[in-house]
Amino acid sequence: MVNLVEAQKPLLHFLIRRAGLRQHTVDVDGEGTVLTFWVPKDKLPKDKSTVCEITPEAAAPAAKIKKQSKTKAKASRPSVVLVHGFAAEGIVTWQFQAGVLAKHYDVYIPDLLYFGGSTSPSTDRSPGFQAECLVAALGKLGVERCTVVGFSYGGMVAFKMAEAHPGLVRSLVVSGSVVAMTDSISETTLERIGVKSSAELLLPDSVKGLKALLSIAAHRKLWFPERLHRDYLQVMFTNRKERAELLEGLVVSNKDATVPVLPQKILLLWGHNDNIFNIELAKTMKE
């Protein structure tokens, strides 16, 4: 039986390609760590430090490629990096923003490690490692300065990028996230939601669990047929072992947690009805 979530990907990819983005795989370290990206088509690198995935352009006749090579590259535009959360890969998370932003910015949409086609043999599961891999990949893609937009888990990765690489990260936009997931924040959040662990909430293994996640994560009640829930579970929650380890690596003890002084401009976007990270956390971070 056709998986409905998988079946819609070609249409989504077609629309994103129409917006001027192309899929690309970056070899981060030459040792097996790779990140998959959507990048501006005129910014696809040609050096051997990256591995380009097969696209219609790659299979085009030589004459067409030659003609394309003569096309004048777009003027340099500000770069924006969109970093996804824990429930879906990059392009699924940002599908409604990518096309609009691509009209004015060079948009880069990565899949963090163990999402989409991104993977690594490393045992490091910290947000800091995610950030370093992302920074290395952006360097190989020729990105020198950028605004990073992080949602939920991606917001924590974005904060790490900004802290360690102020020369790269010009500004931050963070939605529904915290600087670091401390013991106290984790315990309070789980208790308020009524689950025993982050994995129970963020790595559902049943339709019931997925519905519970959606009811907490979404402001308005969403209805989907049972089959669509099952198909989503099958496609979007792969690499379960590694992702469970990511959740474990996310939490830091209160005594080890520090609040960095960041030089960048930071915009916090927060919903008053956020059920996971409530508005009081946003007020605390602002202060």
Protein backbone atom coordinates (compact mmCIF):
# COMPACT_ATOMS: atom_id res chain seq x y z
CA MET A 1 0.00 0.00 0.00
CA VAL A 2 1.26 3.47 -0.90
CA ASN A 3 2.47 5.57 2.01
CA LEU A 4 0.55 8.83 1.68
CA VAL A 5 3.21 10.91 3.42
CA GLU A 6 5.99 9.52 1.24
CA ALA A 7 3.84 9.93 -1.86
CA GLN A 8 3.46 13.67 -1.38
CA LYS A 9 7.21 14.27 -1.21
CA PRO A 10 7.73 14.47 -5.01
CA LEU A 11 5.11 17.24 -5.20
CA LEU A 12 6.67 19.07 -2.26
CA HIS A 13 10.12 18.75 -3.79
CA PHE A 14 8.78 20.00 -7.14
CA LEU A 15 7.34 23.10 -5.50
CA ILE A 16 10.55 23.77 -3.58
CA ARG A 17 12.56 23.37 -6.77
CA ARG A 18 10.26 25.87 -8.47
CA ALA A 19 11.21 28.27 -5.68
CA GLY A 20 14.86 27.95 -6.77
CA LEU A 21 16.25 25.47 -4.25
CA ARG A 22 18.05 22.20 -4.94
CA GLN A 23 18.91 19.17 -2.80
CA HIS A 24 22.53 18.69 -1.92
CA THR A 25 24.51 16.41 0.37
CA VAL A 26 27.56 17.81 2.19
CA ASP A 27 30.44 15.63 3.34
CA VAL A 28 31.16 17.35 6.64
CA ASP A 29 34.37 15.69 7.78
CA GLY A 30 35.41 13.03 5.27
CA GLU A 31 34.77 10.40 7.94
CA GLY A 32 31.13 9.55 7.32
CA THR A 33 29.32 12.57 8.72
CA VAL A 34 27.02 13.98 6.04
CA LEU A 35 24.25 16.57 6.10
CA THR A 36 21.51 16.87 3.52
CA PHE A 37 20.44 20.38 2.52
CA TRP A 38 18.17 22.36 0.30
CA VAL A 39 20.32 25.20 -1.09
CA PRO A 40 19.91 27.98 -3.68
CA LYS A 41 20.44 26.48 -7.11
CA ASP A 42 22.98 29.15 -8.08
CA LYS A 43 25.02 28.41 -4.95
CA LEU A 44 25.57 24.69 -5.56
CA PRO A 45 29.30 24.09 -4.97
CA LYS A 46 31.41 22.29 -7.52
CA ASP A 47 34.41 21.34 -5.37
CA LYS A 48 35.12 17.82 -4.12
CA SER A 49 34.40 18.65 -0.48
CA THR A 50 30.72 18.12 -1.15
CA VAL A 51 28.75 15.33 -2.75
CA CYS A 52 25.94 16.55 -4.96
CA GLU A 53 22.85 14.42 -5.21
CA ILE A 54 21.46 13.52 -8.64
CA THR A 55 19.06 16.15 -9.90
CA PRO A 56 17.37 16.72 -13.26
CA GLU A 57 20.09 19.25 -14.03
CA ALA A 58 22.80 16.64 -13.38
CA ALA A 59 21.18 14.35 -15.92
CA ALA A 60 20.58 17.10 -18.51
CA PRO A 61 22.30 17.11 -21.92
CA ALA A 62 25.72 18.73 -22.03
CA ALA A 63 24.44 21.53 -24.26
CA LYS A 64 21.82 22.48 -21.70
CA ILE A 65 24.37 22.47 -18.89
CA LYS A 66 26.69 24.65 -20.94
CA LYS A 67 23.88 27.08 -21.56
CA GLN A 68 23.03 27.19 -17.89
CA SER A 69 26.65 27.85 -16.96
CA LYS A 70 26.51 31.08 -18.95
CA THR A 71 23.57 32.37 -16.95
CA LYS A 72 24.59 35.32 -14.84
CA ALA A 73 24.56 34.44 -11.15
CA LYS A 74 22.18 36.34 -8.91
CA ALA A 75 23.56 39.23 -6.96
CA SER A 76 24.66 38.35 -3.46
CA ARG A 77 21.71 38.24 -1.08
CA PRO A 78 21.51 37.75 2.69
CA SER A 79 21.68 34.10 3.71
CA VAL A 80 19.03 32.56 5.96
CA VAL A 81 19.42 29.11 7.54
CA LEU A 82 16.21 27.41 8.68
CA VAL A 83 16.79 24.79 11.39
CA HIS A 84 13.94 22.36 12.05
CA GLY A 85 12.58 20.88 15.27
CA PHE A 86 12.27 17.30 16.44
CA ALA A 87 9.04 16.14 14.80
CA ALA A 88 9.99 16.42 11.12
CA GLU A 89 12.89 16.91 8.73
CA GLY A 90 13.87 20.29 7.34
CA ILE A 91 11.81 20.76 4.21
CA VAL A 92 8.66 19.35 5.82
CA THR A 93 9.00 21.79 8.72
CA TRP A 94 9.67 24.85 6.54
CA GLN A 95 7.65 24.03 3.41
CA PHE A 96 5.33 27.03 3.83
CA GLN A 97 8.13 29.54 4.49
CA ALA A 98 10.78 28.39 2.00
CA GLY A 99 9.21 29.75 -1.18
CA VAL A 100 8.37 33.17 0.24
CA LEU A 101 11.80 33.65 1.83
CA ALA A 102 13.61 32.43 -1.30
CA LYS A 103 12.28 35.46 -3.20
CA HIS A 104 14.43 37.75 -1.07
CA TYR A 105 17.13 35.60 0.57
CA ASP A 106 19.53 32.76 -0.12
CA VAL A 107 17.71 30.07 1.84
CA TYR A 108 19.49 27.03 3.27
CA ILE A 109 17.41 24.25 4.83
CA PRO A 110 19.45 21.47 6.45
CA ASP A 111 18.40 18.16 7.91
CA LEU A 112 20.04 17.82 11.31
CA LEU A 113 21.85 14.57 12.09
CA TYR A 114 19.53 11.52 12.04
CA PHE A 115 16.81 13.42 10.21
CA GLY A 116 16.24 13.12 6.48
CA GLY A 117 19.44 11.81 4.90
CA SER A 118 21.84 13.22 7.50
CA THR A 119 23.94 10.82 9.54
CA SER A 120 27.22 10.42 11.42
CA PRO A 121 29.31 7.60 12.91
CA SER A 122 30.06 9.85 15.91
CA THR A 123 28.59 8.99 19.30
CA ASP A 124 28.25 12.67 20.24
CA ARG A 125 24.54 13.49 20.52
CA SER A 126 24.79 17.00 21.94
CA PRO A 127 23.26 20.12 20.38
CA GLY A 128 26.80 21.49 20.30
CA PHE A 129 27.89 18.70 17.95
CA GLN A 130 24.87 19.33 15.73
CA ALA A 131 25.85 22.99 15.65
CA GLU A 132 29.49 22.29 14.75
CA CYS A 133 28.49 19.94 11.95
CA LEU A 134 26.07 22.52 10.59
CA VAL A 135 28.69 25.27 10.76
CA ALA A 136 31.23 23.08 8.94
CA ALA A 137 28.69 22.24 6.24
CA LEU A 138 27.74 25.89 5.75
CA GLY A 139 31.42 26.71 5.36
CA LYS A 140 31.72 24.16 2.56
CA LEU A 141 28.66 25.66 0.93
CA GLY A 142 30.36 29.06 0.93
CA VAL A 143 28.17 30.74 3.54
CA GLU A 144 30.16 33.44 5.35
CA ARG A 145 27.43 35.30 7.24
CA CYS A 146 23.85 34.31 7.90
CA THR A 147 20.73 34.71 9.96
CA VAL A 148 19.77 31.46 11.69
CA VAL A 149 16.11 30.67 12.32
CA GLY A 150 15.60 27.84 14.80
CA PHE A 151 12.39 26.14 15.81
CA SER A 152 12.13 24.11 19.05
CA TYR A 153 15.10 21.66 19.07
CA GLY A 154 16.55 23.64 16.18
CA GLY A 155 16.47 26.74 18.36
CA MET A 156 18.84 25.12 20.85
CA VAL A 157 21.18 24.22 17.99
CA ALA A 158 20.92 27.79 16.71
CA PHE A 159 21.89 29.21 20.11
CA LYS A 160 24.98 26.96 20.13
CA MET A 161 25.92 28.15 16.64
CA ALA A 162 25.61 31.78 17.66
CA GLU A 163 27.61 31.30 20.86
CA ALA A 164 30.52 29.46 19.23
CA HIS A 165 30.59 31.26 15.88
CA PRO A 166 29.58 34.93 16.19
CA GLY A 167 31.50 35.67 13.00
CA LEU A 168 29.15 33.43 11.05
CA VAL A 169 25.82 34.06 12.75
CA ARG A 170 24.72 37.63 12.12
CA SER A 171 21.38 37.36 13.94
CA LEU A 172 19.00 34.83 15.46
CA VAL A 173 15.29 34.17 15.20
CA VAL A 174 14.14 31.53 17.70
CA SER A 175 10.65 30.13 18.12
CA GLY A 176 9.44 27.88 20.93
CA SER A 177 12.83 27.02 22.36
CA VAL A 178 15.25 27.66 25.20
CA VAL A 179 18.98 28.34 25.37
CA ALA A 180 19.52 24.98 27.08
CA MET A 181 17.30 22.19 28.38
CA THR A 182 18.24 22.06 32.05
CA ASP A 183 17.18 19.44 34.58
CA SER A 184 14.64 21.77 36.12
CA ILE A 185 13.13 22.90 32.80
CA SER A 186 12.88 19.30 31.61
CA GLU A 187 11.29 18.02 34.81
CA THR A 188 8.82 20.90 35.06
CA THR A 189 7.82 20.59 31.41
CA LEU A 190 7.30 16.84 31.52
CA GLU A 191 5.30 17.09 34.73
CA ARG A 192 3.06 19.81 33.28
CA ILE A 193 2.42 17.83 30.09
CA GLY A 194 1.93 14.57 31.98
CA VAL A 195 4.54 12.30 30.39
CA LYS A 196 7.42 10.38 31.96
CA SER A 197 10.11 11.24 29.42
CA SER A 198 10.88 13.40 26.40
CA ALA A 199 11.03 10.27 24.25
CA GLU A 200 7.50 9.32 25.26
CA LEU A 201 6.30 12.66 23.90
CA LEU A 202 8.63 13.31 20.97
CA LEU A 203 9.18 9.77 19.70
CA PRO A 204 5.67 8.31 19.54
CA ASP A 205 5.40 4.71 18.37
CA SER A 206 1.62 4.57 18.00
CA VAL A 207 -1.18 6.58 16.43
CA LYS A 208 -2.37 7.43 19.92
CA GLY A 209 1.05 8.79 20.85
CA LEU A 210 1.29 10.85 17.65
CA LYS A 211 -2.14 12.33 18.25
CA ALA A 212 -1.07 13.26 21.78
CA LEU A 213 2.05 14.99 20.41
CA LEU A 214 0.04 16.92 17.82
CA SER A 215 -2.55 17.97 20.40
CA ILE A 216 0.19 19.41 22.60
CA ALA A 217 2.35 20.90 19.84
CA ALA A 218 -0.47 22.54 17.86
CA HIS A 219 -2.53 25.50 19.05
CA ARG A 220 -5.63 24.35 17.19
CA LYS A 221 -6.99 20.84 17.12
CA LEU A 222 -5.91 19.01 13.98
CA TRP A 223 -7.81 16.15 12.42
CA PHE A 224 -6.21 13.60 10.11
CA PRO A 225 -7.39 10.12 9.14
CA GLU A 226 -5.86 7.18 11.01
CA ARG A 227 -3.96 6.04 7.95
CA LEU A 228 -2.21 9.38 7.58
CA HIS A 229 -1.07 9.17 11.20
CA ARG A 230 0.33 5.68 10.60
CA ASP A 231 2.09 6.76 7.43
CA TYR A 232 3.59 9.80 9.16
CA LEU A 233 4.94 7.60 11.94
CA GLN A 234 6.60 5.33 9.41
CA VAL A 235 8.26 8.11 7.40
CA MET A 236 9.10 10.82 9.94
CA PHE A 237 10.24 8.81 12.97
CA THR A 238 13.17 6.83 11.61
CA ASN A 239 16.53 6.45 13.40
CA ARG A 240 14.65 6.02 16.66
CA LYS A 241 17.66 4.82 18.65
CA GLU A 242 19.81 7.78 17.63
CA ARG A 243 17.00 10.27 18.18
CA ALA A 244 16.34 8.90 21.66
CA GLU A 245 20.03 9.48 22.36
CA LEU A 246 19.70 13.03 21.02
CA LEU A 247 17.00 13.67 23.60
CA GLU A 248 19.20 12.26 26.36
CA GLY A 249 22.10 14.43 25.19
CA LEU A 250 19.88 17.49 25.24
CA VAL A 251 19.49 17.76 29.01
CA VAL A 252 22.22 19.44 31.06
CA SER A 253 22.39 19.73 34.82
CA ASN A 254 21.40 23.00 36.42
CA LYS A 255 24.88 23.46 37.87
CA ASP A 256 26.52 23.10 34.44
CA ALA A 257 24.08 25.34 32.58
CA THR A 258 25.26 28.81 31.62
CA VAL A 259 23.52 31.64 29.84
CA PRO A 260 25.84 32.97 27.13
CA VAL A 261 26.10 36.67 26.38
CA LEU A 262 25.41 36.79 22.67
CA PRO A 263 26.41 39.80 20.54
CA GLN A 264 23.82 39.07 17.86
CA LYS A 265 20.40 40.59 17.49
CA ILE A 266 17.90 38.00 18.72
CA LEU A 267 14.19 37.83 17.98
CA LEU A 268 12.14 35.47 20.14
CA LEU A 269 8.84 34.31 18.68
CA TRP A 270 6.57 32.71 21.25
CA GLY A 271 2.95 31.64 21.46
CA HIS A 272 1.01 32.49 24.60
CA ASN A 273 -0.50 29.01 24.44
CA ASP A 274 2.75 27.11 23.92
CA ASN A 275 2.19 23.85 25.80
CA ILE A 276 5.81 22.70 25.79
CA PHE A 277 7.83 25.85 26.51
CA ASN A 278 5.47 28.26 28.21
CA ILE A 279 5.62 32.03 27.85
CA GLU A 280 7.29 32.49 31.23
CA LEU A 281 10.45 30.86 29.86
CA ALA A 282 10.53 33.40 27.05
CA LYS A 283 10.20 36.25 29.54
CA THR A 284 13.04 34.79 31.61
CA MET A 285 15.33 34.51 28.59
CA LYS A 286 14.54 38.07 27.55
CA GLU A 287 15.51 39.33 30.98
